[in-house]
Amino acid sequence: MSWALIRPHLRANKAIADFLGVSLHELWPQWFDRSGGRIDPLSPKQTRSPRSHTTRVPESNLRVPASRKVA
């Protein structure tokens, strides 16, 4: 469940919060509102994290060279 510490996942985050005896909002205010609902990451009132500004590598750069293809 270590991935639940870096990425929101309601079931896993709720299990951790219940075990610690705190609310989801207390542990992860950036992911959950006071009622325990998920905060929409694209909501205009929320600021985007630096991680959301990563760029994707074009598929053309992901092709395997012909010399490396497996028969």
Protein backbone atom coordinates (compact mmCIF):
# COMPACT_ATOMS: atom_id res chain seq x y z
CA MET A 1 0.00 0.00 0.00
CA SER A 2 3.00 2.30 -0.19
CA TRP A 3 1.76 3.65 -3.54
CA ALA A 4 -1.29 5.06 -1.70
CA LEU A 5 1.06 7.49 0.04
CA ILE A 6 2.06 9.16 -3.23
CA ARG A 7 -1.07 8.71 -5.35
CA PRO A 8 -4.74 8.96 -4.29
CA HIS A 9 -6.65 5.68 -4.06
CA LEU A 10 -9.83 5.93 -1.99
CA ARG A 11 -9.91 2.38 -0.63
CA ALA A 12 -6.25 2.25 0.34
CA ASN A 13 -6.18 5.81 1.71
CA LYS A 14 -9.33 5.11 3.75
CA ALA A 15 -7.76 1.95 5.22
CA ILE A 16 -4.67 3.92 6.29
CA ALA A 17 -6.77 6.76 7.75
CA ASP A 18 -9.00 4.32 9.65
CA PHE A 19 -5.98 2.51 11.05
CA LEU A 20 -4.49 5.81 12.27
CA GLY A 21 -7.87 7.05 13.54
CA VAL A 22 -7.92 10.27 11.49
CA SER A 23 -9.98 11.55 8.56
CA LEU A 24 -8.90 11.35 4.94
CA HIS A 25 -8.82 15.16 4.79
CA GLU A 26 -6.40 15.38 7.74
CA LEU A 27 -3.89 13.08 6.05
CA TRP A 28 -4.37 14.15 2.44
CA PRO A 29 -6.03 17.59 2.24
CA GLN A 30 -4.81 17.95 -1.35
CA TRP A 31 -6.75 14.81 -2.41
CA PHE A 32 -9.85 14.68 -0.20
CA ASP A 33 -12.34 17.30 1.03
CA ARG A 34 -13.67 17.51 4.61
CA SER A 35 -16.53 15.11 3.83
CA GLY A 36 -14.09 12.50 2.52
CA GLY A 37 -14.92 13.07 -1.14
CA ARG A 38 -12.23 13.12 -3.79
CA ILE A 39 -11.11 16.58 -4.89
CA ASP A 40 -11.25 16.99 -8.66
CA PRO A 41 -7.64 17.55 -9.77
CA LEU A 42 -8.74 19.72 -12.70
CA SER A 43 -10.98 21.98 -10.65
CA PRO A 44 -10.14 25.67 -11.28
CA LYS A 45 -9.93 26.41 -7.55
CA GLN A 46 -7.21 23.81 -7.07
CA THR A 47 -3.61 24.51 -7.99
CA ARG A 48 -1.85 21.94 -10.12
CA SER A 49 1.19 20.19 -8.77
CA PRO A 50 4.57 20.41 -10.55
CA ARG A 51 4.25 16.73 -11.45
CA SER A 52 1.20 17.49 -13.61
CA HIS A 53 3.42 19.57 -15.91
CA THR A 54 5.40 16.62 -17.21
CA THR A 55 5.44 16.10 -20.94
CA ARG A 56 4.80 12.89 -22.78
CA VAL A 57 7.38 11.34 -25.04
CA PRO A 58 6.07 11.10 -28.62
CA GLU A 59 5.38 7.52 -29.70
CA SER A 60 7.82 7.91 -32.58
CA ASN A 61 10.63 8.15 -29.98
CA LEU A 62 9.54 4.90 -28.34
CA ARG A 63 10.04 2.64 -31.34
CA VAL A 64 12.58 -0.15 -31.01
CA PRO A 65 15.38 -0.04 -33.61
CA ALA A 66 15.17 -2.81 -36.21
CA SER A 67 18.46 -4.27 -34.95
CA ARG A 68 16.88 -4.85 -31.52
CA LYS A 69 13.59 -6.44 -32.61
CA VAL A 70 13.02 -9.99 -31.47
CA ALA A 71 11.94 -12.46 -34.15
